[in-house]
Amino acid sequence: MDKKKLNETFALAFQNHQKNNFKVAENLYKKILKISPNHFESIFLLGGLSTQTKNFDLAKKLTQKAIQIKPDHANAHYNLGIVFYKLGEFQKAKNCYEKAVQIKSNHIDAHCGVGKCLEKLNHIYEAKKYYEKTLNLDSNHRKTCESYGIILFKLNQHSKALTYLRKGSGFIRFTEKNLKII
């Protein structure tokens, strides 16, 4: 496959990926990788697709390979953090998110990921502080507002929690005794 055909195949794979035609996209990415085994974009995106389809072992393998090819790619580290998070390996996920932040200091989703991992590791006060730092970077980041609201709720700061939960999702049920995001 010449370079032009490879680029066309990649564009078609990416289009199908965006349209959630995962099987077609997967086959096209794999076709590219048979010819060009270190094609970074195909490895990276097939890793992401594998995460989307919950094939976490393949996602981990591909994303680690992407990082070997481009160790300074913040989104590759972020994506590996997602894989580890989904696998329940929160310390490894936290390390990946921190690496993404180290590479790209304004990577808001990675910042939020660190906070979520701290929360899962039962470091509630550290998570709260991390969410506050993240909100200083982007006060309207939906995931961070939601996560911060949940932390505040756990810390019995209900009225402040409600403010952030509304800002984060807008779809909540809240009473003094429980909280449900719907």
N, C-alpha and C. Protein backbone atom coordinates (compact mmCIF):
# COMPACT_ATOMS: atom_id res chain seq x y z
N MET A 1 0.85 -1.17 0.00
CA MET A 1 0.00 0.00 0.00
C MET A 1 0.90 1.24 0.00
N ASP A 2 0.72 2.10 -0.98
CA ASP A 2 1.52 3.31 -1.03
C ASP A 2 1.01 4.32 0.00
N LYS A 3 1.76 5.39 0.18
CA LYS A 3 1.45 6.38 1.23
C LYS A 3 0.07 7.01 1.02
N LYS A 4 -0.26 7.30 -0.24
CA LYS A 4 -1.56 7.91 -0.53
C LYS A 4 -2.70 6.97 -0.14
N LYS A 5 -2.57 5.70 -0.50
CA LYS A 5 -3.60 4.70 -0.18
C LYS A 5 -3.69 4.50 1.34
N LEU A 6 -2.54 4.52 2.01
CA LEU A 6 -2.51 4.37 3.46
C LEU A 6 -3.26 5.54 4.12
N ASN A 7 -3.00 6.75 3.64
CA ASN A 7 -3.69 7.93 4.18
C ASN A 7 -5.20 7.87 3.93
N GLU A 8 -5.59 7.39 2.76
CA GLU A 8 -7.01 7.25 2.44
C GLU A 8 -7.67 6.21 3.35
N THR A 9 -6.98 5.10 3.55
CA THR A 9 -7.50 4.05 4.42
C THR A 9 -7.63 4.55 5.85
N PHE A 10 -6.62 5.31 6.30
CA PHE A 10 -6.67 5.87 7.65
C PHE A 10 -7.85 6.84 7.78
N ALA A 11 -8.03 7.70 6.80
CA ALA A 11 -9.14 8.66 6.83
C ALA A 11 -10.48 7.93 6.90
N LEU A 12 -10.61 6.86 6.14
CA LEU A 12 -11.84 6.07 6.17
C LEU A 12 -12.03 5.39 7.52
N ALA A 13 -10.95 4.88 8.09
CA ALA A 13 -11.02 4.26 9.42
C ALA A 13 -11.47 5.29 10.45
N PHE A 14 -10.87 6.45 10.39
CA PHE A 14 -11.20 7.51 11.35
C PHE A 14 -12.66 7.95 11.20
N GLN A 15 -13.13 8.11 9.98
CA GLN A 15 -14.53 8.49 9.74
C GLN A 15 -15.48 7.46 10.34
N ASN A 16 -15.17 6.18 10.11
CA ASN A 16 -16.02 5.12 10.66
C ASN A 16 -15.96 5.11 12.18
N HIS A 17 -14.79 5.36 12.73
CA HIS A 17 -14.63 5.42 14.18
C HIS A 17 -15.51 6.53 14.75
N GLN A 18 -15.48 7.70 14.13
CA GLN A 18 -16.30 8.83 14.59
C GLN A 18 -17.79 8.55 14.49
N LYS A 19 -18.18 7.72 13.55
CA LYS A 19 -19.59 7.38 13.36
C LYS A 19 -19.99 6.15 14.19
N ASN A 20 -19.09 5.70 15.05
CA ASN A 20 -19.30 4.52 15.90
C ASN A 20 -19.49 3.23 15.10
N ASN A 21 -18.95 3.20 13.89
CA ASN A 21 -18.90 1.96 13.11
C ASN A 21 -17.60 1.24 13.52
N PHE A 22 -17.60 0.74 14.75
CA PHE A 22 -16.38 0.26 15.37
C PHE A 22 -15.74 -0.91 14.63
N LYS A 23 -16.54 -1.86 14.19
CA LYS A 23 -15.98 -3.04 13.54
C LYS A 23 -15.28 -2.66 12.23
N VAL A 24 -15.91 -1.80 11.45
CA VAL A 24 -15.30 -1.34 10.18
C VAL A 24 -14.00 -0.59 10.48
N ALA A 25 -14.07 0.33 11.44
CA ALA A 25 -12.88 1.10 11.81
C ALA A 25 -11.77 0.18 12.30
N GLU A 26 -12.11 -0.76 13.15
CA GLU A 26 -11.12 -1.71 13.69
C GLU A 26 -10.43 -2.47 12.56
N ASN A 27 -11.20 -2.97 11.62
CA ASN A 27 -10.62 -3.73 10.51
C ASN A 27 -9.70 -2.85 9.66
N LEU A 28 -10.08 -1.61 9.44
CA LEU A 28 -9.23 -0.70 8.65
C LEU A 28 -7.95 -0.35 9.40
N TYR A 29 -8.05 -0.07 10.71
CA TYR A 29 -6.84 0.20 11.49
C TYR A 29 -5.90 -1.01 11.45
N LYS A 30 -6.47 -2.21 11.59
CA LYS A 30 -5.65 -3.43 11.57
C LYS A 30 -5.01 -3.64 10.19
N LYS A 31 -5.74 -3.29 9.14
CA LYS A 31 -5.19 -3.40 7.78
C LYS A 31 -3.96 -2.50 7.65
N ILE A 32 -4.06 -1.30 8.17
CA ILE A 32 -2.93 -0.35 8.14
C ILE A 32 -1.76 -0.92 8.93
N LEU A 33 -2.04 -1.48 10.10
CA LEU A 33 -0.98 -1.97 10.98
C LEU A 33 -0.28 -3.21 10.44
N LYS A 34 -0.95 -3.96 9.58
CA LYS A 34 -0.29 -5.10 8.92
C LYS A 34 0.81 -4.60 7.99
N ILE A 35 0.57 -3.47 7.37
CA ILE A 35 1.52 -2.91 6.41
C ILE A 35 2.53 -1.99 7.10
N SER A 36 2.06 -1.24 8.07
CA SER A 36 2.90 -0.28 8.78
C SER A 36 2.70 -0.46 10.29
N PRO A 37 3.40 -1.44 10.88
CA PRO A 37 3.14 -1.84 12.28
C PRO A 37 3.35 -0.75 13.33
N ASN A 38 4.08 0.31 12.97
CA ASN A 38 4.31 1.39 13.93
C ASN A 38 3.57 2.67 13.55
N HIS A 39 2.50 2.54 12.80
CA HIS A 39 1.69 3.70 12.41
C HIS A 39 1.02 4.23 13.67
N PHE A 40 1.60 5.29 14.23
CA PHE A 40 1.18 5.79 15.54
C PHE A 40 -0.31 6.05 15.63
N GLU A 41 -0.86 6.80 14.69
CA GLU A 41 -2.26 7.20 14.75
C GLU A 41 -3.18 5.98 14.78
N SER A 42 -2.87 4.96 13.99
CA SER A 42 -3.70 3.75 13.98
C SER A 42 -3.60 3.00 15.30
N ILE A 43 -2.40 2.91 15.84
CA ILE A 43 -2.21 2.24 17.13
C ILE A 43 -2.97 3.00 18.21
N PHE A 44 -2.77 4.32 18.25
CA PHE A 44 -3.40 5.16 19.26
C PHE A 44 -4.93 5.08 19.18
N LEU A 45 -5.47 5.24 17.99
CA LEU A 45 -6.92 5.24 17.83
C LEU A 45 -7.54 3.85 18.00
N LEU A 46 -6.83 2.81 17.58
CA LEU A 46 -7.33 1.45 17.82
C LEU A 46 -7.33 1.15 19.31
N GLY A 47 -6.35 1.69 20.03
CA GLY A 47 -6.36 1.57 21.49
C GLY A 47 -7.57 2.25 22.10
N GLY A 48 -7.87 3.45 21.61
CA GLY A 48 -9.05 4.16 22.09
C GLY A 48 -10.34 3.44 21.75
N LEU A 49 -10.41 2.92 20.54
CA LEU A 49 -11.58 2.16 20.11
C LEU A 49 -11.74 0.91 20.99
N SER A 50 -10.62 0.27 21.31
CA SER A 50 -10.67 -0.92 22.16
C SER A 50 -11.18 -0.58 23.56
N THR A 51 -10.84 0.61 24.04
CA THR A 51 -11.38 1.06 25.32
C THR A 51 -12.88 1.27 25.20
N GLN A 52 -13.30 1.89 24.13
CA GLN A 52 -14.73 2.16 23.91
C GLN A 52 -15.54 0.86 23.85
N THR A 53 -14.94 -0.18 23.30
CA THR A 53 -15.65 -1.46 23.17
C THR A 53 -15.34 -2.40 24.33
N LYS A 54 -14.70 -1.86 25.36
CA LYS A 54 -14.41 -2.58 26.61
C LYS A 54 -13.45 -3.77 26.45
N ASN A 55 -12.62 -3.71 25.42
CA ASN A 55 -11.56 -4.71 25.25
C ASN A 55 -10.30 -4.12 25.90
N PHE A 56 -10.29 -4.11 27.23
CA PHE A 56 -9.28 -3.37 27.97
C PHE A 56 -7.88 -3.96 27.86
N ASP A 57 -7.77 -5.28 27.71
CA ASP A 57 -6.43 -5.87 27.56
C ASP A 57 -5.78 -5.39 26.27
N LEU A 58 -6.53 -5.41 25.18
CA LEU A 58 -5.99 -4.92 23.91
C LEU A 58 -5.74 -3.42 23.98
N ALA A 59 -6.64 -2.70 24.61
CA ALA A 59 -6.48 -1.24 24.74
C ALA A 59 -5.19 -0.92 25.49
N LYS A 60 -4.93 -1.67 26.56
CA LYS A 60 -3.72 -1.43 27.35
C LYS A 60 -2.48 -1.72 26.51
N LYS A 61 -2.48 -2.83 25.81
CA LYS A 61 -1.33 -3.21 24.97
C LYS A 61 -1.06 -2.17 23.89
N LEU A 62 -2.10 -1.76 23.20
CA LEU A 62 -1.94 -0.79 22.11
C LEU A 62 -1.52 0.58 22.62
N THR A 63 -2.11 1.01 23.72
CA THR A 63 -1.79 2.33 24.24
C THR A 63 -0.36 2.36 24.79
N GLN A 64 0.07 1.27 25.40
CA GLN A 64 1.46 1.20 25.85
C GLN A 64 2.41 1.24 24.66
N LYS A 65 2.03 0.60 23.57
CA LYS A 65 2.86 0.65 22.36
C LYS A 65 2.89 2.07 21.80
N ALA A 66 1.76 2.75 21.82
CA ALA A 66 1.71 4.14 21.35
C ALA A 66 2.65 5.01 22.18
N ILE A 67 2.68 4.77 23.49
CA ILE A 67 3.57 5.54 24.38
C ILE A 67 5.03 5.22 24.09
N GLN A 68 5.33 3.97 23.73
CA GLN A 68 6.71 3.63 23.36
C GLN A 68 7.14 4.41 22.12
N ILE A 69 6.21 4.58 21.19
CA ILE A 69 6.53 5.30 19.95
C ILE A 69 6.64 6.80 20.21
N LYS A 70 5.70 7.34 20.99
CA LYS A 70 5.69 8.78 21.29
C LYS A 70 5.51 8.98 22.80
N PRO A 71 6.61 8.89 23.55
CA PRO A 71 6.51 8.98 25.00
C PRO A 71 6.02 10.33 25.53
N ASP A 72 6.05 11.36 24.70
CA ASP A 72 5.61 12.68 25.15
C ASP A 72 4.20 13.03 24.67
N HIS A 73 3.43 12.03 24.31
CA HIS A 73 2.07 12.24 23.84
C HIS A 73 1.12 12.21 25.04
N ALA A 74 0.68 13.38 25.48
CA ALA A 74 -0.15 13.49 26.69
C ALA A 74 -1.42 12.66 26.61
N ASN A 75 -2.09 12.67 25.46
CA ASN A 75 -3.35 11.92 25.34
C ASN A 75 -3.15 10.41 25.40
N ALA A 76 -2.00 9.93 24.99
CA ALA A 76 -1.73 8.49 25.11
C ALA A 76 -1.64 8.11 26.59
N HIS A 77 -0.95 8.93 27.37
CA HIS A 77 -0.87 8.66 28.81
C HIS A 77 -2.25 8.78 29.46
N TYR A 78 -3.01 9.79 29.04
CA TYR A 78 -4.37 9.96 29.55
C TYR A 78 -5.23 8.73 29.22
N ASN A 79 -5.15 8.27 27.98
CA ASN A 79 -5.94 7.10 27.57
C ASN A 79 -5.53 5.85 28.35
N LEU A 80 -4.24 5.70 28.60
CA LEU A 80 -3.80 4.55 29.41
C LEU A 80 -4.35 4.67 30.83
N GLY A 81 -4.42 5.90 31.33
CA GLY A 81 -5.04 6.12 32.63
C GLY A 81 -6.49 5.67 32.65
N ILE A 82 -7.22 5.96 31.58
CA ILE A 82 -8.61 5.51 31.48
C ILE A 82 -8.69 3.99 31.55
N VAL A 83 -7.81 3.32 30.82
CA VAL A 83 -7.81 1.85 30.81
C VAL A 83 -7.57 1.32 32.22
N PHE A 84 -6.53 1.82 32.88
CA PHE A 84 -6.25 1.36 34.24
C PHE A 84 -7.40 1.67 35.18
N TYR A 85 -8.02 2.83 35.03
CA TYR A 85 -9.17 3.20 35.86
C TYR A 85 -10.30 2.19 35.67
N LYS A 86 -10.60 1.87 34.41
CA LYS A 86 -11.67 0.92 34.11
C LYS A 86 -11.35 -0.47 34.66
N LEU A 87 -10.07 -0.79 34.74
CA LEU A 87 -9.64 -2.08 35.29
C LEU A 87 -9.56 -2.06 36.82
N GLY A 88 -9.84 -0.92 37.42
CA GLY A 88 -9.81 -0.80 38.87
C GLY A 88 -8.41 -0.65 39.45
N GLU A 89 -7.45 -0.33 38.60
CA GLU A 89 -6.06 -0.13 39.04
C GLU A 89 -5.83 1.38 39.19
N PHE A 90 -6.36 1.92 40.30
CA PHE A 90 -6.45 3.36 40.46
C PHE A 90 -5.09 4.04 40.66
N GLN A 91 -4.15 3.37 41.33
CA GLN A 91 -2.83 3.99 41.50
C GLN A 91 -2.11 4.10 40.16
N LYS A 92 -2.20 3.05 39.34
CA LYS A 92 -1.60 3.11 38.00
C LYS A 92 -2.29 4.16 37.14
N ALA A 93 -3.61 4.24 37.25
CA ALA A 93 -4.35 5.25 36.50
C ALA A 93 -3.91 6.64 36.92
N LYS A 94 -3.79 6.86 38.22
CA LYS A 94 -3.35 8.16 38.75
C LYS A 94 -1.97 8.52 38.19
N ASN A 95 -1.07 7.55 38.17
CA ASN A 95 0.28 7.81 37.64
C ASN A 95 0.22 8.23 36.17
N CYS A 96 -0.64 7.58 35.39
CA CYS A 96 -0.78 7.92 33.97
C CYS A 96 -1.36 9.32 33.79
N TYR A 97 -2.40 9.62 34.57
CA TYR A 97 -2.99 10.96 34.49
C TYR A 97 -1.98 12.02 34.88
N GLU A 98 -1.19 11.75 35.93
CA GLU A 98 -0.17 12.71 36.36
C GLU A 98 0.89 12.91 35.27
N LYS A 99 1.23 11.84 34.57
CA LYS A 99 2.20 11.96 33.47
C LYS A 99 1.62 12.84 32.35
N ALA A 100 0.34 12.65 32.05
CA ALA A 100 -0.31 13.49 31.03
C ALA A 100 -0.28 14.96 31.43
N VAL A 101 -0.52 15.24 32.71
CA VAL A 101 -0.49 16.61 33.22
C VAL A 101 0.93 17.16 33.18
N GLN A 102 1.90 16.29 33.47
CA GLN A 102 3.30 16.72 33.42
C GLN A 102 3.68 17.15 32.00
N ILE A 103 3.17 16.44 31.01
CA ILE A 103 3.47 16.75 29.61
C ILE A 103 2.67 17.96 29.14
N LYS A 104 1.40 18.01 29.54
CA LYS A 104 0.50 19.09 29.10
C LYS A 104 -0.23 19.62 30.34
N SER A 105 0.30 20.67 30.91
CA SER A 105 -0.17 21.16 32.21
C SER A 105 -1.64 21.59 32.23
N ASN A 106 -2.21 21.91 31.08
CA ASN A 106 -3.60 22.34 31.04
C ASN A 106 -4.55 21.22 30.56
N HIS A 107 -4.14 19.98 30.71
CA HIS A 107 -4.97 18.83 30.31
C HIS A 107 -6.03 18.61 31.40
N ILE A 108 -7.15 19.30 31.26
CA ILE A 108 -8.18 19.33 32.30
C ILE A 108 -8.72 17.93 32.60
N ASP A 109 -8.99 17.13 31.58
CA ASP A 109 -9.52 15.78 31.83
C ASP A 109 -8.53 14.94 32.63
N ALA A 110 -7.24 15.10 32.37
CA ALA A 110 -6.23 14.36 33.14
C ALA A 110 -6.20 14.86 34.59
N HIS A 111 -6.31 16.17 34.76
CA HIS A 111 -6.39 16.72 36.12
C HIS A 111 -7.58 16.10 36.86
N CYS A 112 -8.72 16.09 36.22
CA CYS A 112 -9.93 15.51 36.82
C CYS A 112 -9.70 14.04 37.13
N GLY A 113 -9.03 13.33 36.24
CA GLY A 113 -8.73 11.92 36.45
C GLY A 113 -7.90 11.68 37.70
N VAL A 114 -6.94 12.55 37.96
CA VAL A 114 -6.13 12.42 39.18
C VAL A 114 -7.05 12.52 40.40
N GLY A 115 -7.94 13.50 40.38
CA GLY A 115 -8.88 13.66 41.48
C GLY A 115 -9.77 12.45 41.68
N LYS A 116 -10.27 11.91 40.58
CA LYS A 116 -11.13 10.72 40.67
C LYS A 116 -10.37 9.53 41.25
N CYS A 117 -9.11 9.39 40.86
CA CYS A 117 -8.30 8.29 41.40
C CYS A 117 -8.04 8.49 42.89
N LEU A 118 -7.73 9.72 43.29
CA LEU A 118 -7.52 10.00 44.71
C LEU A 118 -8.78 9.65 45.51
N GLU A 119 -9.93 9.98 44.93
CA GLU A 119 -11.20 9.64 45.58
C GLU A 119 -11.35 8.13 45.72
N LYS A 120 -11.07 7.39 44.65
CA LYS A 120 -11.18 5.92 44.68
C LYS A 120 -10.19 5.30 45.67
N LEU A 121 -9.05 5.97 45.85
CA LEU A 121 -8.03 5.48 46.78
C LEU A 121 -8.31 5.96 48.21
N ASN A 122 -9.51 6.53 48.43
CA ASN A 122 -9.97 7.02 49.74
C ASN A 122 -9.12 8.15 50.30
N HIS A 123 -8.56 8.95 49.42
CA HIS A 123 -7.85 10.17 49.82
C HIS A 123 -8.79 11.34 49.55
N ILE A 124 -9.89 11.39 50.30
CA ILE A 124 -10.97 12.32 50.04
C ILE A 124 -10.51 13.78 50.10
N TYR A 125 -9.74 14.12 51.13
CA TYR A 125 -9.32 15.52 51.28
C TYR A 125 -8.31 15.91 50.19
N GLU A 126 -7.44 14.97 49.80
CA GLU A 126 -6.52 15.24 48.69
C GLU A 126 -7.29 15.42 47.39
N ALA A 127 -8.32 14.56 47.19
CA ALA A 127 -9.15 14.67 45.99
C ALA A 127 -9.85 16.03 45.96
N LYS A 128 -10.38 16.46 47.09
CA LYS A 128 -11.05 17.76 47.19
C LYS A 128 -10.09 18.88 46.77
N LYS A 129 -8.89 18.85 47.32
CA LYS A 129 -7.90 19.88 46.98
C LYS A 129 -7.55 19.82 45.50
N TYR A 130 -7.45 18.61 44.95
CA TYR A 130 -7.10 18.47 43.54
C TYR A 130 -8.22 19.01 42.65
N TYR A 131 -9.48 18.69 43.02
CA TYR A 131 -10.60 19.22 42.25
C TYR A 131 -10.61 20.75 42.31
N GLU A 132 -10.28 21.31 43.46
CA GLU A 132 -10.24 22.76 43.58
C GLU A 132 -9.17 23.35 42.66
N LYS A 133 -8.00 22.72 42.61
CA LYS A 133 -6.96 23.17 41.68
C LYS A 133 -7.44 23.06 40.24
N THR A 134 -8.12 21.99 39.92
CA THR A 134 -8.62 21.77 38.56
C THR A 134 -9.67 22.82 38.21
N LEU A 135 -10.55 23.13 39.16
CA LEU A 135 -11.57 24.15 38.91
C LEU A 135 -10.95 25.53 38.73
N ASN A 136 -9.78 25.75 39.30
CA ASN A 136 -9.08 27.02 39.05
C ASN A 136 -8.62 27.12 37.60
N LEU A 137 -8.37 25.98 36.96
CA LEU A 137 -8.00 25.96 35.54
C LEU A 137 -9.22 26.13 34.64
N ASP A 138 -10.34 25.51 35.03
CA ASP A 138 -11.57 25.58 34.25
C ASP A 138 -12.75 25.42 35.21
N SER A 139 -13.34 26.54 35.60
CA SER A 139 -14.40 26.52 36.61
C SER A 139 -15.70 25.90 36.11
N ASN A 140 -15.80 25.64 34.81
CA ASN A 140 -17.02 25.07 34.24
C ASN A 140 -16.85 23.64 33.74
N HIS A 141 -15.73 23.00 34.07
CA HIS A 141 -15.50 21.63 33.59
C HIS A 141 -16.52 20.70 34.25
N ARG A 142 -17.42 20.18 33.43
CA ARG A 142 -18.57 19.42 33.91
C ARG A 142 -18.18 18.27 34.83
N LYS A 143 -17.25 17.42 34.37
CA LYS A 143 -16.87 16.25 35.16
C LYS A 143 -16.28 16.65 36.51
N THR A 144 -15.48 17.71 36.51
CA THR A 144 -14.86 18.15 37.76
C THR A 144 -15.91 18.75 38.69
N CYS A 145 -16.82 19.54 38.15
CA CYS A 145 -17.89 20.11 38.98
C CYS A 145 -18.70 18.99 39.64
N GLU A 146 -19.05 17.98 38.85
CA GLU A 146 -19.81 16.85 39.36
C GLU A 146 -19.03 16.11 40.46
N SER A 147 -17.78 15.79 40.18
CA SER A 147 -16.96 15.04 41.13
C SER A 147 -16.71 15.86 42.40
N TYR A 148 -16.47 17.14 42.24
CA TYR A 148 -16.26 18.01 43.39
C TYR A 148 -17.54 18.08 44.24
N GLY A 149 -18.67 18.18 43.57
CA GLY A 149 -19.95 18.19 44.28
C GLY A 149 -20.17 16.92 45.09
N ILE A 150 -19.81 15.79 44.53
CA ILE A 150 -19.96 14.52 45.24
C ILE A 150 -19.05 14.49 46.47
N ILE A 151 -17.82 14.95 46.31
CA ILE A 151 -16.89 15.02 47.45
C ILE A 151 -17.46 15.94 48.54
N LEU A 152 -17.96 17.10 48.14
CA LEU A 152 -18.53 18.02 49.12
C LEU A 152 -19.72 17.40 49.84
N PHE A 153 -20.52 16.64 49.09
CA PHE A 153 -21.66 15.96 49.70
C PHE A 153 -21.17 14.95 50.75
N LYS A 154 -20.14 14.18 50.40
CA LYS A 154 -19.58 13.21 51.35
C LYS A 154 -19.03 13.90 52.60
N LEU A 155 -18.60 15.15 52.45
CA LEU A 155 -18.05 15.92 53.56
C LEU A 155 -19.13 16.76 54.26
N ASN A 156 -20.41 16.43 53.97
CA ASN A 156 -21.56 17.09 54.59
C ASN A 156 -21.64 18.59 54.32
N GLN A 157 -21.12 19.01 53.18
CA GLN A 157 -21.24 20.40 52.75
C GLN A 157 -22.32 20.45 51.67
N HIS A 158 -23.56 20.14 52.08
CA HIS A 158 -24.64 19.87 51.15
C HIS A 158 -25.01 21.04 50.25
N SER A 159 -25.12 22.24 50.78
CA SER A 159 -25.56 23.34 49.93
C SER A 159 -24.50 23.69 48.88
N LYS A 160 -23.24 23.68 49.28
CA LYS A 160 -22.16 23.92 48.33
C LYS A 160 -22.09 22.77 47.31
N ALA A 161 -22.31 21.55 47.79
CA ALA A 161 -22.31 20.37 46.90
C ALA A 161 -23.39 20.53 45.83
N LEU A 162 -24.56 20.95 46.25
CA LEU A 162 -25.67 21.10 45.32
C LEU A 162 -25.34 22.09 44.21
N THR A 163 -24.68 23.18 44.57
CA THR A 163 -24.28 24.18 43.58
C THR A 163 -23.40 23.56 42.50
N TYR A 164 -22.40 22.79 42.91
CA TYR A 164 -21.49 22.18 41.94
C TYR A 164 -22.14 21.04 41.18
N LEU A 165 -23.01 20.29 41.84
CA LEU A 165 -23.68 19.20 41.14
C LEU A 165 -24.61 19.75 40.06
N ARG A 166 -25.30 20.82 40.37
CA ARG A 166 -26.15 21.45 39.35
C ARG A 166 -25.32 21.98 38.19
N LYS A 167 -24.20 22.58 38.53
CA LYS A 167 -23.31 23.12 37.50
C LYS A 167 -22.73 21.99 36.64
N GLY A 168 -22.49 20.85 37.27
CA GLY A 168 -21.89 19.72 36.56
C GLY A 168 -22.86 18.94 35.72
N SER A 169 -24.04 18.69 36.25
CA SER A 169 -24.93 17.82 35.49
C SER A 169 -26.30 18.42 35.24
N GLY A 170 -26.84 19.08 36.24
CA GLY A 170 -28.17 19.62 36.07
C GLY A 170 -29.26 18.59 36.28
N PHE A 171 -28.93 17.32 36.31
CA PHE A 171 -29.92 16.26 36.50
C PHE A 171 -29.63 15.53 37.79
N ILE A 172 -30.10 16.09 38.88
CA ILE A 172 -29.84 15.47 40.18
C ILE A 172 -31.11 15.44 41.01
N ARG A 173 -31.15 14.51 41.91
CA ARG A 173 -32.14 14.45 42.96
C ARG A 173 -31.38 14.55 44.25
N PHE A 174 -31.78 15.45 45.10
CA PHE A 174 -31.00 15.74 46.29
C PHE A 174 -31.92 15.89 47.49
N THR A 175 -31.62 15.19 48.54
CA THR A 175 -32.27 15.41 49.83
C THR A 175 -31.17 15.46 50.86
N GLU A 176 -31.53 15.77 52.08
CA GLU A 176 -30.52 15.81 53.13
C GLU A 176 -29.88 14.45 53.37
N LYS A 177 -30.59 13.37 53.05
CA LYS A 177 -30.07 12.03 53.37
C LYS A 177 -29.41 11.33 52.20
N ASN A 178 -29.76 11.71 51.01
CA ASN A 178 -29.13 11.01 49.89
C ASN A 178 -29.00 11.90 48.67
N LEU A 179 -28.26 11.42 47.74
CA LEU A 179 -27.99 12.14 46.51
C LEU A 179 -28.04 11.14 45.37
N LYS A 180 -28.71 11.50 44.33
CA LYS A 180 -28.75 10.62 43.17
C LYS A 180 -28.61 11.48 41.92
N ILE A 181 -27.59 11.17 41.14
CA ILE A 181 -27.41 11.85 39.85
C ILE A 181 -28.08 10.98 38.81
N ILE A 182 -28.99 11.58 38.05
CA ILE A 182 -29.72 10.79 37.05
C ILE A 182 -29.47 11.34 35.67
